N, C-alpha and C. Protein backbone atom coordinates (compact mmCIF):
# COMPACT_ATOMS: atom_id res chain seq x y z
N MET A 1 67.11 33.26 157.69
CA MET A 1 67.75 32.79 158.90
C MET A 1 69.17 32.38 158.56
N SER A 2 70.06 32.72 159.38
CA SER A 2 71.47 32.45 159.15
C SER A 2 71.89 31.15 159.80
N ASN A 3 72.74 30.40 159.10
CA ASN A 3 73.33 29.21 159.69
C ASN A 3 74.52 29.62 160.53
N GLY A 4 74.74 28.93 161.62
CA GLY A 4 75.87 29.26 162.48
C GLY A 4 77.19 28.92 161.81
N VAL A 5 78.18 29.71 162.10
CA VAL A 5 79.53 29.48 161.59
C VAL A 5 80.43 29.28 162.80
N ASN A 6 81.14 28.18 162.80
CA ASN A 6 82.08 27.90 163.88
C ASN A 6 83.49 28.07 163.36
N THR A 7 84.30 28.76 164.13
CA THR A 7 85.69 28.95 163.74
C THR A 7 86.54 29.12 164.99
N ASP A 8 87.82 29.08 164.77
CA ASP A 8 88.75 29.36 165.85
C ASP A 8 89.97 30.05 165.26
N THR A 9 90.88 30.45 166.11
CA THR A 9 92.03 31.21 165.62
C THR A 9 92.89 30.38 164.67
N ALA A 10 92.98 29.09 164.91
CA ALA A 10 93.79 28.23 164.02
C ALA A 10 93.18 28.19 162.62
N ALA A 11 91.85 28.05 162.54
CA ALA A 11 91.19 28.01 161.23
C ALA A 11 91.35 29.33 160.49
N LEU A 12 91.24 30.43 161.21
CA LEU A 12 91.42 31.74 160.58
C LEU A 12 92.85 31.92 160.08
N SER A 13 93.80 31.46 160.86
CA SER A 13 95.21 31.57 160.46
C SER A 13 95.51 30.71 159.24
N VAL A 14 94.93 29.51 159.20
CA VAL A 14 95.12 28.63 158.05
C VAL A 14 94.55 29.28 156.79
N LYS A 15 93.37 29.85 156.90
CA LYS A 15 92.74 30.49 155.74
C LYS A 15 93.56 31.70 155.29
N ALA A 16 94.06 32.48 156.22
CA ALA A 16 94.90 33.63 155.87
C ALA A 16 96.16 33.17 155.15
N LYS A 17 96.74 32.07 155.60
CA LYS A 17 97.94 31.53 154.94
C LYS A 17 97.60 31.09 153.52
N GLU A 18 96.45 30.44 153.34
CA GLU A 18 96.02 30.05 151.99
C GLU A 18 95.87 31.27 151.09
N PHE A 19 95.27 32.34 151.61
CA PHE A 19 95.10 33.56 150.83
C PHE A 19 96.45 34.15 150.44
N ARG A 20 97.40 34.15 151.35
CA ARG A 20 98.73 34.68 151.04
C ARG A 20 99.43 33.84 149.98
N GLU A 21 99.31 32.52 150.09
CA GLU A 21 99.92 31.64 149.08
C GLU A 21 99.28 31.87 147.72
N GLN A 22 97.96 32.03 147.70
CA GLN A 22 97.26 32.29 146.43
C GLN A 22 97.69 33.65 145.88
N HIS A 23 97.87 34.63 146.73
CA HIS A 23 98.35 35.95 146.31
C HIS A 23 99.70 35.81 145.62
N ASP A 24 100.61 35.07 146.23
CA ASP A 24 101.95 34.89 145.66
C ASP A 24 101.88 34.17 144.31
N SER A 25 101.02 33.15 144.21
CA SER A 25 100.85 32.42 142.95
C SER A 25 100.30 33.32 141.86
N LEU A 26 99.31 34.13 142.22
CA LEU A 26 98.73 35.05 141.24
C LEU A 26 99.74 36.10 140.80
N MET A 27 100.56 36.58 141.71
CA MET A 27 101.57 37.57 141.36
C MET A 27 102.54 36.99 140.33
N ILE A 28 102.95 35.76 140.55
CA ILE A 28 103.86 35.10 139.59
C ILE A 28 103.17 34.93 138.25
N ALA A 29 101.90 34.51 138.26
CA ALA A 29 101.16 34.31 137.00
C ALA A 29 101.00 35.63 136.24
N ILE A 30 100.72 36.71 136.95
CA ILE A 30 100.56 38.02 136.30
C ILE A 30 101.88 38.46 135.68
N ARG A 31 102.96 38.30 136.41
CA ARG A 31 104.28 38.69 135.87
C ARG A 31 104.67 37.83 134.67
N THR A 32 104.37 36.54 134.74
CA THR A 32 104.68 35.64 133.62
C THR A 32 103.88 36.04 132.39
N LEU A 33 102.60 36.31 132.58
CA LEU A 33 101.76 36.74 131.46
C LEU A 33 102.29 38.03 130.85
N LYS A 34 102.68 38.97 131.69
CA LYS A 34 103.22 40.25 131.20
C LYS A 34 104.49 40.02 130.38
N ALA A 35 105.37 39.15 130.86
CA ALA A 35 106.60 38.86 130.13
C ALA A 35 106.29 38.19 128.79
N ASP A 36 105.34 37.26 128.79
CA ASP A 36 104.95 36.60 127.54
C ASP A 36 104.32 37.59 126.57
N GLU A 37 103.48 38.45 127.09
CA GLU A 37 102.82 39.45 126.24
C GLU A 37 103.85 40.41 125.66
N ASP A 38 104.81 40.84 126.47
CA ASP A 38 105.87 41.72 125.97
C ASP A 38 106.69 41.04 124.89
N ALA A 39 106.98 39.76 125.07
CA ALA A 39 107.77 39.03 124.08
C ALA A 39 107.02 38.94 122.75
N VAL A 40 105.71 38.77 122.82
CA VAL A 40 104.92 38.66 121.59
C VAL A 40 104.78 40.02 120.91
N THR A 41 104.40 41.04 121.67
CA THR A 41 104.13 42.33 121.03
C THR A 41 105.40 43.10 120.69
N ASN A 42 106.40 43.04 121.55
CA ASN A 42 107.64 43.77 121.27
C ASN A 42 108.53 43.03 120.29
N GLY A 43 108.47 41.71 120.33
CA GLY A 43 109.32 40.92 119.45
C GLY A 43 108.77 40.81 118.04
N ALA A 44 107.50 41.09 117.89
CA ALA A 44 106.87 40.97 116.57
C ALA A 44 106.93 42.32 115.86
N ASN A 45 106.73 42.26 114.60
CA ASN A 45 106.69 43.48 113.80
C ASN A 45 105.23 43.95 113.72
N TRP A 46 104.63 44.07 114.89
CA TRP A 46 103.21 44.42 114.97
C TRP A 46 103.11 45.89 115.31
N GLN A 47 102.50 46.65 114.43
CA GLN A 47 102.34 48.07 114.63
C GLN A 47 100.93 48.47 114.25
N GLY A 48 100.55 49.65 114.69
CA GLY A 48 99.26 50.18 114.29
C GLY A 48 98.25 50.24 115.41
N ALA A 49 97.03 50.57 115.01
CA ALA A 49 95.95 50.79 115.97
C ALA A 49 95.58 49.52 116.74
N ALA A 50 95.64 48.38 116.07
CA ALA A 50 95.29 47.12 116.75
C ALA A 50 96.27 46.83 117.89
N ARG A 51 97.55 47.03 117.63
CA ARG A 51 98.55 46.81 118.69
C ARG A 51 98.35 47.81 119.83
N ASP A 52 98.10 49.05 119.49
CA ASP A 52 97.87 50.07 120.52
C ASP A 52 96.65 49.71 121.37
N ALA A 53 95.58 49.25 120.72
CA ALA A 53 94.37 48.86 121.45
C ALA A 53 94.65 47.65 122.34
N PHE A 54 95.38 46.68 121.82
CA PHE A 54 95.73 45.50 122.60
C PHE A 54 96.58 45.89 123.81
N ASN A 55 97.58 46.72 123.60
CA ASN A 55 98.43 47.16 124.70
C ASN A 55 97.62 47.91 125.77
N ALA A 56 96.71 48.77 125.33
CA ALA A 56 95.87 49.51 126.27
C ALA A 56 94.99 48.55 127.07
N PHE A 57 94.43 47.55 126.38
CA PHE A 57 93.61 46.55 127.06
C PHE A 57 94.43 45.79 128.10
N MET A 58 95.62 45.36 127.72
CA MET A 58 96.46 44.57 128.62
C MET A 58 96.92 45.40 129.82
N GLU A 59 97.24 46.66 129.60
CA GLU A 59 97.63 47.50 130.73
C GLU A 59 96.48 47.65 131.72
N ARG A 60 95.27 47.79 131.20
CA ARG A 60 94.08 47.86 132.07
C ARG A 60 93.91 46.53 132.82
N TYR A 61 94.11 45.44 132.11
CA TYR A 61 94.00 44.11 132.72
C TYR A 61 95.01 43.96 133.87
N TYR A 62 96.26 44.33 133.62
CA TYR A 62 97.29 44.20 134.66
C TYR A 62 96.97 45.07 135.87
N PHE A 63 96.48 46.26 135.62
CA PHE A 63 96.11 47.16 136.71
C PHE A 63 95.01 46.53 137.57
N GLN A 64 93.97 46.00 136.91
CA GLN A 64 92.87 45.39 137.64
C GLN A 64 93.30 44.11 138.34
N ALA A 65 94.13 43.31 137.70
CA ALA A 65 94.61 42.06 138.31
C ALA A 65 95.44 42.37 139.55
N ASP A 66 96.30 43.37 139.46
CA ASP A 66 97.11 43.76 140.62
C ASP A 66 96.22 44.27 141.76
N LYS A 67 95.22 45.05 141.40
CA LYS A 67 94.31 45.59 142.40
C LYS A 67 93.55 44.47 143.11
N MET A 68 93.05 43.52 142.33
CA MET A 68 92.33 42.38 142.90
C MET A 68 93.26 41.57 143.81
N ASN A 69 94.47 41.36 143.36
CA ASN A 69 95.43 40.58 144.14
C ASN A 69 95.80 41.31 145.43
N ASP A 70 95.89 42.63 145.37
CA ASP A 70 96.15 43.41 146.58
C ASP A 70 95.01 43.25 147.59
N LYS A 71 93.77 43.18 147.10
CA LYS A 71 92.62 42.98 147.99
C LYS A 71 92.69 41.60 148.65
N LEU A 72 93.18 40.61 147.92
CA LEU A 72 93.35 39.28 148.49
C LEU A 72 94.33 39.32 149.66
N MET A 73 95.45 40.02 149.47
CA MET A 73 96.43 40.14 150.55
C MET A 73 95.86 40.95 151.71
N GLU A 74 95.10 41.98 151.40
CA GLU A 74 94.47 42.78 152.45
C GLU A 74 93.50 41.92 153.27
N THR A 75 92.76 41.05 152.58
CA THR A 75 91.84 40.15 153.27
C THR A 75 92.60 39.20 154.18
N ALA A 76 93.73 38.68 153.70
CA ALA A 76 94.56 37.79 154.53
C ALA A 76 95.05 38.52 155.77
N ASP A 77 95.50 39.75 155.60
CA ASP A 77 95.97 40.53 156.75
C ASP A 77 94.84 40.78 157.75
N LYS A 78 93.65 41.07 157.24
CA LYS A 78 92.51 41.32 158.12
C LYS A 78 92.11 40.04 158.86
N LEU A 79 92.19 38.90 158.18
CA LEU A 79 91.88 37.63 158.85
C LEU A 79 92.85 37.38 160.00
N LEU A 80 94.13 37.64 159.76
CA LEU A 80 95.11 37.44 160.83
C LEU A 80 94.84 38.37 162.01
N LYS A 81 94.53 39.61 161.71
CA LYS A 81 94.23 40.58 162.77
C LYS A 81 92.97 40.15 163.52
N MET A 82 91.97 39.72 162.76
CA MET A 82 90.71 39.31 163.37
C MET A 82 90.90 38.06 164.23
N SER A 83 91.78 37.15 163.81
CA SER A 83 91.98 35.93 164.60
C SER A 83 92.54 36.27 165.98
N GLY A 84 93.43 37.24 166.04
CA GLY A 84 93.96 37.67 167.33
C GLY A 84 92.88 38.31 168.18
N SER A 85 92.06 39.14 167.57
CA SER A 85 90.96 39.80 168.28
C SER A 85 89.93 38.77 168.73
N PHE A 86 89.65 37.81 167.86
CA PHE A 86 88.70 36.74 168.17
C PHE A 86 89.17 35.96 169.40
N ASN A 87 90.43 35.61 169.42
CA ASN A 87 91.00 34.86 170.54
C ASN A 87 90.91 35.67 171.83
N ASP A 88 91.26 36.95 171.77
CA ASP A 88 91.19 37.81 172.95
C ASP A 88 89.76 37.91 173.48
N GLN A 89 88.80 38.09 172.57
CA GLN A 89 87.41 38.20 172.98
C GLN A 89 86.90 36.88 173.56
N ASP A 90 87.29 35.78 172.95
CA ASP A 90 86.86 34.47 173.44
C ASP A 90 87.36 34.24 174.86
N GLN A 91 88.62 34.57 175.11
CA GLN A 91 89.17 34.40 176.45
C GLN A 91 88.51 35.35 177.45
N ASP A 92 88.24 36.57 177.01
CA ASP A 92 87.58 37.55 177.87
C ASP A 92 86.18 37.07 178.25
N HIS A 93 85.43 36.57 177.27
CA HIS A 93 84.08 36.08 177.54
C HIS A 93 84.11 34.85 178.45
N ALA A 94 85.06 33.97 178.23
CA ALA A 94 85.19 32.78 179.09
C ALA A 94 85.47 33.20 180.53
N ALA A 95 86.32 34.19 180.72
CA ALA A 95 86.63 34.67 182.07
C ALA A 95 85.40 35.28 182.72
N LYS A 96 84.60 36.03 181.96
CA LYS A 96 83.39 36.64 182.51
C LYS A 96 82.37 35.59 182.92
N VAL A 97 82.21 34.57 182.08
CA VAL A 97 81.28 33.49 182.42
C VAL A 97 81.76 32.77 183.67
N GLN A 98 83.04 32.47 183.73
CA GLN A 98 83.60 31.78 184.90
C GLN A 98 83.42 32.62 186.16
N ALA A 99 83.61 33.92 186.05
CA ALA A 99 83.42 34.81 187.20
C ALA A 99 81.97 34.79 187.65
N GLN A 100 81.05 34.78 186.69
CA GLN A 100 79.62 34.75 187.02
C GLN A 100 79.26 33.43 187.68
N VAL A 101 79.76 32.33 187.14
CA VAL A 101 79.49 31.01 187.72
C VAL A 101 80.05 30.93 189.13
N SER A 102 81.23 31.45 189.33
CA SER A 102 81.87 31.42 190.65
C SER A 102 81.09 32.23 191.68
N SER A 103 80.36 33.25 191.22
CA SER A 103 79.64 34.11 192.15
C SER A 103 78.29 33.52 192.57
N LEU A 104 77.85 32.49 191.89
CA LEU A 104 76.56 31.89 192.23
C LEU A 104 76.69 31.08 193.52
N ASP A 105 75.68 31.18 194.34
CA ASP A 105 75.68 30.44 195.60
C ASP A 105 74.68 29.30 195.48
N LEU A 106 75.10 28.26 194.79
CA LEU A 106 74.22 27.11 194.58
C LEU A 106 74.75 25.91 195.34
N PRO A 107 73.85 25.02 195.71
CA PRO A 107 74.32 23.81 196.38
C PRO A 107 75.14 22.95 195.43
N ALA A 108 76.05 22.19 195.98
CA ALA A 108 76.89 21.30 195.16
C ALA A 108 76.03 20.24 194.50
N VAL A 109 76.43 19.82 193.35
CA VAL A 109 75.66 18.81 192.60
C VAL A 109 76.11 17.43 193.00
């Protein structure tokens, strides 16, 4: 059985903003790590198979980190889009309920 989830457009927008801020922070961290790694491997007299393996590993890491971070931004964009759709649907449903209530011929309370 599922627990109910309550949300509104403001909450969705806040969460999307948090995701975007986290995306930006992660992007900076990834770039900083890459610069630090370049300084260590390029600045050192490190050569051979171990360096090649390390570089290959780090390139794979950066690729995956960028991909994950892109998904975070994509999620933020989808949340923003969904919040607009959610608001439109909520207003549409409210109007339909109001129209139905208005059409009832009940005695005044």
